[in-house]
Amino acid sequence: EAVRVWPADPPRDPKGWLVTVAWRRFLDAARADAARRRRE
C-alpha cells in the first residue's frame, strides 16, 4: 500500500503510517480467520 500511495501523497510520519495500516490489516486478517474457522 505504501508503494502505491506514498509517491503521490507521502506521509509526515512514515513509520507511524506503516504501523497504523499494518495493524488494521492484522485485525482484518484476524477477524477473517475467525470467520473462516466458523465456516470450517
PDB file of all heavy atoms in Angstrom:
ATOM      1  N   GLU A   1       0.829  -1.204   0.000  1.00  0.00           N
ATOM      2  CA  GLU A   1       0.000   0.000   0.000  1.00  0.00           C
ATOM      3  C   GLU A   1       0.867   1.260   0.000  1.00  0.00           C
ATOM      4  O   GLU A   1       0.558   2.243  -0.664  1.00  0.00           O
ATOM      5  CB  GLU A   1      -0.931  -0.016   1.221  1.00  0.00           C
ATOM      6  CG  GLU A   1      -1.941   1.119   1.267  1.00  0.00           C
ATOM      7  CD  GLU A   1      -3.023   0.967   0.209  1.00  0.00           C
ATOM      8  OE1 GLU A   1      -3.041  -0.053  -0.515  1.00  0.00           O
ATOM      9  OE2 GLU A   1      -3.840   1.885   0.106  1.00  0.00           O
ATOM     10  N   ALA A   2       1.970   1.222   0.729  1.00  0.00           N
ATOM     11  CA  ALA A   2       2.870   2.381   0.773  1.00  0.00           C
ATOM     12  C   ALA A   2       3.480   2.664  -0.591  1.00  0.00           C
ATOM     13  O   ALA A   2       3.559   3.817  -1.029  1.00  0.00           O
ATOM     14  CB  ALA A   2       3.973   2.138   1.810  1.00  0.00           C
ATOM     15  N   VAL A   3       3.918   1.614  -1.267  1.00  0.00           N
ATOM     16  CA  VAL A   3       4.496   1.790  -2.607  1.00  0.00           C
ATOM     17  C   VAL A   3       3.479   2.413  -3.547  1.00  0.00           C
ATOM     18  O   VAL A   3       3.814   3.230  -4.408  1.00  0.00           O
ATOM     19  CB  VAL A   3       4.993   0.432  -3.152  1.00  0.00           C
ATOM     20  CG1 VAL A   3       5.374   0.539  -4.618  1.00  0.00           C
ATOM     21  CG2 VAL A   3       6.193  -0.047  -2.344  1.00  0.00           C
ATOM     22  N   ARG A   4       2.214   2.059  -3.358  1.00  0.00           N
ATOM     23  CA  ARG A   4       1.163   2.586  -4.223  1.00  0.00           C
ATOM     24  C   ARG A   4       0.805   4.035  -3.884  1.00  0.00           C
ATOM     25  O   ARG A   4       0.593   4.865  -4.778  1.00  0.00           O
ATOM     26  CB  ARG A   4      -0.093   1.712  -4.105  1.00  0.00           C
ATOM     27  CG  ARG A   4      -1.211   2.076  -5.066  1.00  0.00           C
ATOM     28  CD  ARG A   4      -2.436   1.199  -4.858  1.00  0.00           C
ATOM     29  NE  ARG A   4      -3.107   1.489  -3.604  1.00  0.00           N
ATOM     30  CZ  ARG A   4      -3.985   2.479  -3.450  1.00  0.00           C
ATOM     31  NH1 ARG A   4      -4.300   3.263  -4.445  1.00  0.00           N
ATOM     32  NH2 ARG A   4      -4.566   2.670  -2.274  1.00  0.00           N
ATOM     33  N   VAL A   5       0.756   4.361  -2.579  1.00  0.00           N
ATOM     34  CA  VAL A   5       0.202   5.641  -2.143  1.00  0.00           C
ATOM     35  C   VAL A   5       1.252   6.730  -1.963  1.00  0.00           C
ATOM     36  O   VAL A   5       1.026   7.899  -2.327  1.00  0.00           O
ATOM     37  CB  VAL A   5      -0.590   5.438  -0.823  1.00  0.00           C
ATOM     38  CG1 VAL A   5      -0.992   6.769  -0.216  1.00  0.00           C
ATOM     39  CG2 VAL A   5      -1.803   4.565  -1.076  1.00  0.00           C
ATOM     40  N   TRP A   6       2.403   6.380  -1.408  1.00  0.00           N
ATOM     41  CA  TRP A   6       3.353   7.407  -0.988  1.00  0.00           C
ATOM     42  C   TRP A   6       3.905   8.299  -2.103  1.00  0.00           C
ATOM     43  O   TRP A   6       4.140   9.484  -1.852  1.00  0.00           O
ATOM     44  CB  TRP A   6       4.517   6.754  -0.226  1.00  0.00           C
ATOM     45  CG  TRP A   6       4.141   6.312   1.160  1.00  0.00           C
ATOM     46  CD1 TRP A   6       2.886   6.219   1.681  1.00  0.00           C
ATOM     47  CD2 TRP A   6       5.028   5.887   2.197  1.00  0.00           C
ATOM     48  NE1 TRP A   6       2.927   5.740   2.964  1.00  0.00           N
ATOM     49  CE2 TRP A   6       4.240   5.540   3.315  1.00  0.00           C
ATOM     50  CE3 TRP A   6       6.410   5.757   2.272  1.00  0.00           C
ATOM     51  CZ2 TRP A   6       4.804   5.078   4.491  1.00  0.00           C
ATOM     52  CZ3 TRP A   6       6.971   5.300   3.454  1.00  0.00           C
ATOM     53  CH2 TRP A   6       6.176   4.970   4.555  1.00  0.00           C
ATOM     54  N   PRO A   7       4.149   7.772  -3.298  1.00  0.00           N
ATOM     55  CA  PRO A   7       4.697   8.690  -4.316  1.00  0.00           C
ATOM     56  C   PRO A   7       3.830   9.913  -4.554  1.00  0.00           C
ATOM     57  O   PRO A   7       4.348  11.009  -4.801  1.00  0.00           O
ATOM     58  CB  PRO A   7       4.755   7.793  -5.567  1.00  0.00           C
ATOM     59  CG  PRO A   7       4.938   6.423  -5.025  1.00  0.00           C
ATOM     60  CD  PRO A   7       4.100   6.376  -3.791  1.00  0.00           C
ATOM     61  N   ALA A   8       2.506   9.759  -4.475  1.00  0.00           N
ATOM     62  CA  ALA A   8       1.611  10.894  -4.692  1.00  0.00           C
ATOM     63  C   ALA A   8       1.253  11.612  -3.396  1.00  0.00           C
ATOM     64  O   ALA A   8       0.921  12.796  -3.414  1.00  0.00           O
ATOM     65  CB  ALA A   8       0.328  10.404  -5.386  1.00  0.00           C
ATOM     66  N   ASP A   9       1.327  10.912  -2.272  1.00  0.00           N
ATOM     67  CA  ASP A   9       0.896  11.501  -1.000  1.00  0.00           C
ATOM     68  C   ASP A   9       1.775  10.995   0.144  1.00  0.00           C
ATOM     69  O   ASP A   9       1.338  10.207   0.985  1.00  0.00           O
ATOM     70  CB  ASP A   9      -0.573  11.135  -0.743  1.00  0.00           C
ATOM     71  CG  ASP A   9      -1.142  11.821   0.495  1.00  0.00           C
ATOM     72  OD1 ASP A   9      -0.562  12.841   0.929  1.00  0.00           O
ATOM     73  OD2 ASP A   9      -2.162  11.330   1.033  1.00  0.00           O
ATOM     74  N   PRO A  10       3.035  11.433   0.218  1.00  0.00           N
ATOM     75  CA  PRO A  10       3.937  10.929   1.257  1.00  0.00           C
ATOM     76  C   PRO A  10       3.487  11.356   2.655  1.00  0.00           C
ATOM     77  O   PRO A  10       3.077  12.508   2.855  1.00  0.00           O
ATOM     78  CB  PRO A  10       5.284  11.581   0.901  1.00  0.00           C
ATOM     79  CG  PRO A  10       4.930  12.767   0.077  1.00  0.00           C
ATOM     80  CD  PRO A  10       3.681  12.417  -0.669  1.00  0.00           C
ATOM     81  N   PRO A  11       3.537  10.449   3.625  1.00  0.00           N
ATOM     82  CA  PRO A  11       3.088  10.795   4.981  1.00  0.00           C
ATOM     83  C   PRO A  11       4.151  11.602   5.737  1.00  0.00           C
ATOM     84  O   PRO A  11       5.344  11.520   5.439  1.00  0.00           O
ATOM     85  CB  PRO A  11       2.891   9.424   5.626  1.00  0.00           C
ATOM     86  CG  PRO A  11       3.890   8.559   4.943  1.00  0.00           C
ATOM     87  CD  PRO A  11       3.953   9.044   3.520  1.00  0.00           C
ATOM     88  N   ARG A  12       3.696  12.350   6.723  1.00  0.00           N
ATOM     89  CA  ARG A  12       4.644  13.092   7.565  1.00  0.00           C
ATOM     90  C   ARG A  12       5.432  12.156   8.469  1.00  0.00           C
ATOM     91  O   ARG A  12       6.599  12.407   8.778  1.00  0.00           O
ATOM     92  CB  ARG A  12       3.877  14.112   8.418  1.00  0.00           C
ATOM     93  CG  ARG A  12       3.212  15.232   7.616  1.00  0.00           C
ATOM     94  CD  ARG A  12       2.508  16.215   8.551  1.00  0.00           C
ATOM     95  NE  ARG A  12       1.868  17.280   7.803  1.00  0.00           N
ATOM     96  CZ  ARG A  12       1.158  18.260   8.353  1.00  0.00           C
ATOM     97  NH1 ARG A  12       1.008  18.287   9.683  1.00  0.00           N
ATOM     98  NH2 ARG A  12       0.603  19.182   7.601  1.00  0.00           N
ATOM     99  N   ASP A  13       4.781  11.079   8.905  1.00  0.00           N
ATOM    100  CA  ASP A  13       5.418  10.112   9.800  1.00  0.00           C
ATOM    101  C   ASP A  13       5.369   8.737   9.134  1.00  0.00           C
ATOM    102  O   ASP A  13       4.413   7.975   9.336  1.00  0.00           O
ATOM    103  CB  ASP A  13       4.680  10.095  11.145  1.00  0.00           C
ATOM    104  CG  ASP A  13       5.258   9.068  12.122  1.00  0.00           C
ATOM    105  OD1 ASP A  13       6.314   8.487  11.809  1.00  0.00           O
ATOM    106  OD2 ASP A  13       4.641   8.843  13.182  1.00  0.00           O
ATOM    107  N   PRO A  14       6.365   8.393   8.312  1.00  0.00           N
ATOM    108  CA  PRO A  14       6.309   7.125   7.570  1.00  0.00           C
ATOM    109  C   PRO A  14       6.118   5.904   8.463  1.00  0.00           C
ATOM    110  O   PRO A  14       5.303   5.036   8.171  1.00  0.00           O
ATOM    111  CB  PRO A  14       7.652   7.091   6.837  1.00  0.00           C
ATOM    112  CG  PRO A  14       8.042   8.528   6.703  1.00  0.00           C
ATOM    113  CD  PRO A  14       7.556   9.187   7.961  1.00  0.00           C
ATOM    114  N   LYS A  15       6.886   5.828   9.559  1.00  0.00           N
ATOM    115  CA  LYS A  15       6.764   4.662  10.420  1.00  0.00           C
ATOM    116  C   LYS A  15       5.377   4.586  11.046  1.00  0.00           C
ATOM    117  O   LYS A  15       4.753   3.508  11.092  1.00  0.00           O
ATOM    118  CB  LYS A  15       7.828   4.696  11.512  1.00  0.00           C
ATOM    119  CG  LYS A  15       7.735   3.503  12.463  1.00  0.00           C
ATOM    120  CD  LYS A  15       8.789   3.560  13.565  1.00  0.00           C
ATOM    121  CE  LYS A  15       8.603   2.426  14.565  1.00  0.00           C
ATOM    122  NZ  LYS A  15       9.602   2.485  15.659  1.00  0.00           N
ATOM    123  N   GLY A  16       4.875   5.718  11.527  1.00  0.00           N
ATOM    124  CA  GLY A  16       3.551   5.726  12.130  1.00  0.00           C
ATOM    125  C   GLY A  16       2.473   5.310  11.135  1.00  0.00           C
ATOM    126  O   GLY A  16       1.543   4.575  11.469  1.00  0.00           O
ATOM    127  N   TRP A  17       2.632   5.768   9.893  1.00  0.00           N
ATOM    128  CA  TRP A  17       1.684   5.398   8.835  1.00  0.00           C
ATOM    129  C   TRP A  17       1.703   3.891   8.616  1.00  0.00           C
ATOM    130  O   TRP A  17       0.654   3.238   8.546  1.00  0.00           O
ATOM    131  CB  TRP A  17       2.059   6.130   7.560  1.00  0.00           C
ATOM    132  CG  TRP A  17       1.078   6.032   6.428  1.00  0.00           C
ATOM    133  CD1 TRP A  17       0.124   6.938   6.078  1.00  0.00           C
ATOM    134  CD2 TRP A  17       0.970   4.957   5.480  1.00  0.00           C
ATOM    135  NE1 TRP A  17      -0.567   6.494   4.976  1.00  0.00           N
ATOM    136  CE2 TRP A  17      -0.085   5.274   4.586  1.00  0.00           C
ATOM    137  CE3 TRP A  17       1.651   3.747   5.312  1.00  0.00           C
ATOM    138  CZ2 TRP A  17      -0.446   4.448   3.532  1.00  0.00           C
ATOM    139  CZ3 TRP A  17       1.281   2.901   4.270  1.00  0.00           C
ATOM    140  CH2 TRP A  17       0.247   3.264   3.389  1.00  0.00           C
ATOM    141  N   LEU A  18       2.903   3.316   8.514  1.00  0.00           N
ATOM    142  CA  LEU A  18       3.030   1.874   8.280  1.00  0.00           C
ATOM    143  C   LEU A  18       2.469   1.071   9.452  1.00  0.00           C
ATOM    144  O   LEU A  18       1.805   0.054   9.248  1.00  0.00           O
ATOM    145  CB  LEU A  18       4.495   1.507   8.046  1.00  0.00           C
ATOM    146  CG  LEU A  18       5.080   1.880   6.683  1.00  0.00           C
ATOM    147  CD1 LEU A  18       6.590   1.659   6.679  1.00  0.00           C
ATOM    148  CD2 LEU A  18       4.430   1.060   5.578  1.00  0.00           C
ATOM    149  N   VAL A  19       2.740   1.507  10.677  1.00  0.00           N
ATOM    150  CA  VAL A  19       2.221   0.799  11.848  1.00  0.00           C
ATOM    151  C   VAL A  19       0.695   0.796  11.839  1.00  0.00           C
ATOM    152  O   VAL A  19       0.050  -0.236  12.059  1.00  0.00           O
ATOM    153  CB  VAL A  19       2.754   1.438  13.147  1.00  0.00           C
ATOM    154  CG1 VAL A  19       1.986   0.902  14.363  1.00  0.00           C
ATOM    155  CG2 VAL A  19       4.237   1.151  13.310  1.00  0.00           C
ATOM    156  N   THR A  20       0.101   1.956  11.545  1.00  0.00           N
ATOM    157  CA  THR A  20      -1.359   2.060  11.537  1.00  0.00           C
ATOM    158  C   THR A  20      -1.983   1.152  10.491  1.00  0.00           C
ATOM    159  O   THR A  20      -2.923   0.396  10.766  1.00  0.00           O
ATOM    160  CB  THR A  20      -1.788   3.519  11.270  1.00  0.00           C
ATOM    161  OG1 THR A  20      -1.275   4.357  12.310  1.00  0.00           O
ATOM    162  CG2 THR A  20      -3.302   3.643  11.226  1.00  0.00           C
ATOM    163  N   VAL A  21      -1.454   1.199   9.266  1.00  0.00           N
ATOM    164  CA  VAL A  21      -2.013   0.382   8.187  1.00  0.00           C
ATOM    165  C   VAL A  21      -1.784  -1.095   8.459  1.00  0.00           C
ATOM    166  O   VAL A  21      -2.681  -1.924   8.279  1.00  0.00           O
ATOM    167  CB  VAL A  21      -1.402   0.804   6.829  1.00  0.00           C
ATOM    168  CG1 VAL A  21      -1.843  -0.156   5.722  1.00  0.00           C
ATOM    169  CG2 VAL A  21      -1.803   2.226   6.488  1.00  0.00           C
ATOM    170  N   ALA A  22      -0.571  -1.450   8.909  1.00  0.00           N
ATOM    171  CA  ALA A  22      -0.271  -2.860   9.175  1.00  0.00           C
ATOM    172  C   ALA A  22      -1.159  -3.413  10.293  1.00  0.00           C
ATOM    173  O   ALA A  22      -1.629  -4.553  10.213  1.00  0.00           O
ATOM    174  CB  ALA A  22       1.204  -3.020   9.533  1.00  0.00           C
ATOM    175  N   TRP A  23      -1.380  -2.620  11.349  1.00  0.00           N
ATOM    176  CA  TRP A  23      -2.219  -3.086  12.454  1.00  0.00           C
ATOM    177  C   TRP A  23      -3.660  -3.305  11.986  1.00  0.00           C
ATOM    178  O   TRP A  23      -4.307  -4.284  12.358  1.00  0.00           O
ATOM    179  CB  TRP A  23      -2.176  -2.083  13.606  1.00  0.00           C
ATOM    180  CG  TRP A  23      -2.934  -2.541  14.827  1.00  0.00           C
ATOM    181  CD1 TRP A  23      -4.056  -2.007  15.361  1.00  0.00           C
ATOM    182  CD2 TRP A  23      -2.602  -3.659  15.670  1.00  0.00           C
ATOM    183  NE1 TRP A  23      -4.454  -2.706  16.466  1.00  0.00           N
ATOM    184  CE2 TRP A  23      -3.580  -3.735  16.690  1.00  0.00           C
ATOM    185  CE3 TRP A  23      -1.577  -4.601  15.643  1.00  0.00           C
ATOM    186  CZ2 TRP A  23      -3.558  -4.710  17.670  1.00  0.00           C
ATOM    187  CZ3 TRP A  23      -1.562  -5.587  16.631  1.00  0.00           C
ATOM    188  CH2 TRP A  23      -2.548  -5.629  17.632  1.00  0.00           C
ATOM    189  N   ARG A  24      -4.153  -2.399  11.130  1.00  0.00           N
ATOM    190  CA  ARG A  24      -5.510  -2.593  10.590  1.00  0.00           C
ATOM    191  C   ARG A  24      -5.582  -3.864   9.757  1.00  0.00           C
ATOM    192  O   ARG A  24      -6.553  -4.613   9.832  1.00  0.00           O
ATOM    193  CB  ARG A  24      -5.902  -1.388   9.729  1.00  0.00           C
ATOM    194  CG  ARG A  24      -6.209  -0.129  10.525  1.00  0.00           C
ATOM    195  CD  ARG A  24      -6.456   1.032   9.591  1.00  0.00           C
ATOM    196  NE  ARG A  24      -6.726   2.269  10.304  1.00  0.00           N
ATOM    197  CZ  ARG A  24      -6.734   3.461   9.739  1.00  0.00           C
ATOM    198  NH1 ARG A  24      -6.461   3.589   8.444  1.00  0.00           N
ATOM    199  NH2 ARG A  24      -6.986   4.546  10.446  1.00  0.00           N
ATOM    200  N   ARG A  25      -4.536  -4.105   8.954  1.00  0.00           N
ATOM    201  CA  ARG A  25      -4.516  -5.317   8.129  1.00  0.00           C
ATOM    202  C   ARG A  25      -4.488  -6.564   9.021  1.00  0.00           C
ATOM    203  O   ARG A  25      -5.145  -7.565   8.726  1.00  0.00           O
ATOM    204  CB  ARG A  25      -3.295  -5.323   7.194  1.00  0.00           C
ATOM    205  CG  ARG A  25      -3.287  -4.209   6.155  1.00  0.00           C
ATOM    206  CD  ARG A  25      -4.433  -4.359   5.165  1.00  0.00           C
ATOM    207  NE  ARG A  25      -4.305  -3.434   4.071  1.00  0.00           N
ATOM    208  CZ  ARG A  25      -4.935  -2.266   3.979  1.00  0.00           C
ATOM    209  NH1 ARG A  25      -5.761  -1.891   4.941  1.00  0.00           N
ATOM    210  NH2 ARG A  25      -4.767  -1.485   2.924  1.00  0.00           N
ATOM    211  N   PHE A  26      -3.713  -6.492  10.123  1.00  0.00           N
ATOM    212  CA  PHE A  26      -3.654  -7.627  11.037  1.00  0.00           C
ATOM    213  C   PHE A  26      -5.024  -7.897  11.650  1.00  0.00           C
ATOM    214  O   PHE A  26      -5.471  -9.046  11.724  1.00  0.00           O
ATOM    215  CB  PHE A  26      -2.632  -7.360  12.146  1.00  0.00           C
ATOM    216  CG  PHE A  26      -2.735  -8.331  13.292  1.00  0.00           C
ATOM    217  CD1 PHE A  26      -2.299  -9.641  13.163  1.00  0.00           C
ATOM    218  CD2 PHE A  26      -3.304  -7.932  14.500  1.00  0.00           C
ATOM    219  CE1 PHE A  26      -2.425 -10.542  14.203  1.00  0.00           C
ATOM    220  CE2 PHE A  26      -3.433  -8.821  15.552  1.00  0.00           C
ATOM    221  CZ  PHE A  26      -2.986 -10.135  15.408  1.00  0.00           C
ATOM    222  N   LEU A  27      -5.725  -6.851  12.104  1.00  0.00           N
ATOM    223  CA  LEU A  27      -7.043  -7.030  12.710  1.00  0.00           C
ATOM    224  C   LEU A  27      -8.042  -7.576  11.698  1.00  0.00           C
ATOM    225  O   LEU A  27      -8.851  -8.456  12.022  1.00  0.00           O
ATOM    226  CB  LEU A  27      -7.539  -5.697  13.278  1.00  0.00           C
ATOM    227  CG  LEU A  27      -6.764  -5.145  14.475  1.00  0.00           C
ATOM    228  CD1 LEU A  27      -7.328  -3.796  14.893  1.00  0.00           C
ATOM    229  CD2 LEU A  27      -6.794  -6.113  15.651  1.00  0.00           C
ATOM    230  N   ASP A  28      -7.985  -7.061  10.454  1.00  0.00           N
ATOM    231  CA  ASP A  28      -8.868  -7.580   9.409  1.00  0.00           C
ATOM    232  C   ASP A  28      -8.621  -9.069   9.178  1.00  0.00           C
ATOM    233  O   ASP A  28      -9.555  -9.864   9.062  1.00  0.00           O
ATOM    234  CB  ASP A  28      -8.630  -6.823   8.094  1.00  0.00           C
ATOM    235  CG  ASP A  28      -9.294  -5.456   8.076  1.00  0.00           C
ATOM    236  OD1 ASP A  28     -10.121  -5.194   8.963  1.00  0.00           O
ATOM    237  OD2 ASP A  28      -8.976  -4.660   7.172  1.00  0.00           O
ATOM    238  N   ALA A  29      -7.335  -9.438   9.107  1.00  0.00           N
ATOM    239  CA  ALA A  29      -6.987 -10.846   8.860  1.00  0.00           C
ATOM    240  C   ALA A  29      -7.423 -11.722  10.029  1.00  0.00           C
ATOM    241  O   ALA A  29      -7.893 -12.849   9.828  1.00  0.00           O
ATOM    242  CB  ALA A  29      -5.486 -10.980   8.628  1.00  0.00           C
ATOM    243  N   ALA A  30      -7.272 -11.219  11.249  1.00  0.00           N
ATOM    244  CA  ALA A  30      -7.673 -11.996  12.426  1.00  0.00           C
ATOM    245  C   ALA A  30      -9.177 -12.242  12.433  1.00  0.00           C
ATOM    246  O   ALA A  30      -9.645 -13.351  12.722  1.00  0.00           O
ATOM    247  CB  ALA A  30      -7.244 -11.271  13.704  1.00  0.00           C
ATOM    248  N   ARG A  31      -9.957 -11.188  12.085  1.00  0.00           N
ATOM    249  CA  ARG A  31     -11.414 -11.364  12.027  1.00  0.00           C
ATOM    250  C   ARG A  31     -11.799 -12.348  10.917  1.00  0.00           C
ATOM    251  O   ARG A  31     -12.682 -13.185  11.093  1.00  0.00           O
ATOM    252  CB  ARG A  31     -12.096 -10.008  11.819  1.00  0.00           C
ATOM    253  CG  ARG A  31     -12.145  -9.144  13.068  1.00  0.00           C
ATOM    254  CD  ARG A  31     -13.075  -7.966  12.876  1.00  0.00           C
ATOM    255  NE  ARG A  31     -12.536  -7.006  11.942  1.00  0.00           N
ATOM    256  CZ  ARG A  31     -11.850  -5.918  12.293  1.00  0.00           C
ATOM    257  NH1 ARG A  31     -11.631  -5.671  13.574  1.00  0.00           N
ATOM    258  NH2 ARG A  31     -11.403  -5.069  11.391  1.00  0.00           N
ATOM    259  N   ALA A  32     -11.141 -12.211   9.760  1.00  0.00           N
ATOM    260  CA  ALA A  32     -11.444 -13.117   8.653  1.00  0.00           C
ATOM    261  C   ALA A  32     -11.090 -14.557   9.012  1.00  0.00           C
ATOM    262  O   ALA A  32     -11.811 -15.499   8.661  1.00  0.00           O
ATOM    263  CB  ALA A  32     -10.688 -12.679   7.393  1.00  0.00           C
ATOM    264  N   ASP A  33      -9.971 -14.721   9.741  1.00  0.00           N
ATOM    265  CA  ASP A  33      -9.561 -16.066  10.133  1.00  0.00           C
ATOM    266  C   ASP A  33     -10.571 -16.683  11.096  1.00  0.00           C
ATOM    267  O   ASP A  33     -10.893 -17.873  11.004  1.00  0.00           O
ATOM    268  CB  ASP A  33      -8.176 -16.016  10.777  1.00  0.00           C
ATOM    269  CG  ASP A  33      -7.624 -17.409  11.061  1.00  0.00           C
ATOM    270  OD1 ASP A  33      -7.480 -18.178  10.099  1.00  0.00           O
ATOM    271  OD2 ASP A  33      -7.355 -17.709  12.237  1.00  0.00           O
ATOM    272  N   ALA A  34     -11.089 -15.876  12.000  1.00  0.00           N
ATOM    273  CA  ALA A  34     -12.100 -16.382  12.930  1.00  0.00           C
ATOM    274  C   ALA A  34     -13.358 -16.805  12.180  1.00  0.00           C
ATOM    275  O   ALA A  34     -13.969 -17.838  12.480  1.00  0.00           O
ATOM    276  CB  ALA A  34     -12.427 -15.303  13.968  1.00  0.00           C
ATOM    277  N   ALA A  35     -13.734 -15.994  11.183  1.00  0.00           N
ATOM    278  CA  ALA A  35     -14.916 -16.348  10.386  1.00  0.00           C
ATOM    279  C   ALA A  35     -14.677 -17.626   9.593  1.00  0.00           C
ATOM    280  O   ALA A  35     -15.569 -18.466   9.459  1.00  0.00           O
ATOM    281  CB  ALA A  35     -15.268 -15.199   9.439  1.00  0.00           C
ATOM    282  N   ARG A  36     -13.449 -17.789   9.082  1.00  0.00           N
ATOM    283  CA  ARG A  36     -13.138 -18.997   8.326  1.00  0.00           C
ATOM    284  C   ARG A  36     -13.233 -20.235   9.228  1.00  0.00           C
ATOM    285  O   ARG A  36     -13.727 -21.282   8.815  1.00  0.00           O
ATOM    286  CB  ARG A  36     -11.737 -18.914   7.719  1.00  0.00           C
ATOM    287  CG  ARG A  36     -11.676 -18.053   6.466  1.00  0.00           C
ATOM    288  CD  ARG A  36     -10.394 -18.296   5.717  1.00  0.00           C
ATOM    289  NE  ARG A  36      -9.232 -17.810   6.436  1.00  0.00           N
ATOM    290  CZ  ARG A  36      -8.747 -16.583   6.338  1.00  0.00           C
ATOM    291  NH1 ARG A  36      -9.344 -15.700   5.546  1.00  0.00           N
ATOM    292  NH2 ARG A  36      -7.688 -16.210   7.010  1.00  0.00           N
ATOM    293  N   ARG A  37     -12.748 -20.093  10.476  1.00  0.00           N
ATOM    294  CA  ARG A  37     -12.815 -21.239  11.385  1.00  0.00           C
ATOM    295  C   ARG A  37     -14.261 -21.635  11.663  1.00  0.00           C
ATOM    296  O   ARG A  37     -14.589 -22.816  11.780  1.00  0.00           O
ATOM    297  CB  ARG A  37     -12.075 -20.926  12.686  1.00  0.00           C
ATOM    298  CG  ARG A  37     -10.562 -20.947  12.546  1.00  0.00           C
ATOM    299  CD  ARG A  37      -9.904 -21.024  13.909  1.00  0.00           C
ATOM    300  NE  ARG A  37     -10.178 -19.843  14.704  1.00  0.00           N
ATOM    301  CZ  ARG A  37      -9.425 -18.749  14.696  1.00  0.00           C
ATOM    302  NH1 ARG A  37      -8.372 -18.691  13.903  1.00  0.00           N
ATOM    303  NH2 ARG A  37      -9.721 -17.721  15.452  1.00  0.00           N
ATOM    304  N   ARG A  38     -15.146 -20.622  11.750  1.00  0.00           N
ATOM    305  CA  ARG A  38     -16.556 -20.934  11.957  1.00  0.00           C
ATOM    306  C   ARG A  38     -17.116 -21.694  10.755  1.00  0.00           C
ATOM    307  O   ARG A  38     -17.904 -22.620  10.892  1.00  0.00           O
ATOM    308  CB  ARG A  38     -17.370 -19.649  12.184  1.00  0.00           C
ATOM    309  CG  ARG A  38     -17.110 -19.002  13.532  1.00  0.00           C
ATOM    310  CD  ARG A  38     -18.178 -17.975  13.850  1.00  0.00           C
ATOM    311  NE  ARG A  38     -18.226 -16.892  12.881  1.00  0.00           N
ATOM    312  CZ  ARG A  38     -17.500 -15.789  12.971  1.00  0.00           C
ATOM    313  NH1 ARG A  38     -16.647 -15.629  13.975  1.00  0.00           N
ATOM    314  NH2 ARG A  38     -17.623 -14.832  12.074  1.00  0.00           N
ATOM    315  N   ARG A  39     -16.705 -21.253   9.534  1.00  0.00           N
ATOM    316  CA  ARG A  39     -17.191 -21.933   8.343  1.00  0.00           C
ATOM    317  C   ARG A  39     -16.645 -23.354   8.251  1.00  0.00           C
ATOM    318  O   ARG A  39     -17.315 -24.268   7.765  1.00  0.00           O
ATOM    319  CB  ARG A  39     -16.796 -21.143   7.086  1.00  0.00           C
ATOM    320  CG  ARG A  39     -17.626 -19.904   6.867  1.00  0.00           C
ATOM    321  CD  ARG A  39     -17.356 -19.329   5.492  1.00  0.00           C
ATOM    322  NE  ARG A  39     -15.985 -18.871   5.366  1.00  0.00           N
ATOM    323  CZ  ARG A  39     -15.565 -17.660   5.689  1.00  0.00           C
ATOM    324  NH1 ARG A  39     -16.422 -16.781   6.168  1.00  0.00           N
ATOM    325  NH2 ARG A  39     -14.304 -17.304   5.545  1.00  0.00           N
ATOM    326  N   GLU A  40     -15.409 -23.558   8.711  1.00  0.00           N
ATOM    327  CA  GLU A  40     -14.807 -24.881   8.616  1.00  0.00           C
ATOM    328  C   GLU A  40     -15.535 -25.902   9.478  1.00  0.00           C
ATOM    329  O   GLU A  40     -15.456 -27.103   9.237  1.00  0.00           O
ATOM    330  CB  GLU A  40     -13.325 -24.810   8.995  1.00  0.00           C
ATOM    331  CG  GLU A  40     -12.489 -24.159   7.893  1.00  0.00           C
ATOM    332  CD  GLU A  40     -11.113 -23.747   8.368  1.00  0.00           C
ATOM    333  OE1 GLU A  40     -10.818 -23.978   9.561  1.00  0.00           O
ATOM    334  OE2 GLU A  40     -10.347 -23.202   7.560  1.00  0.00           O
TER     335      GLU A  40
END
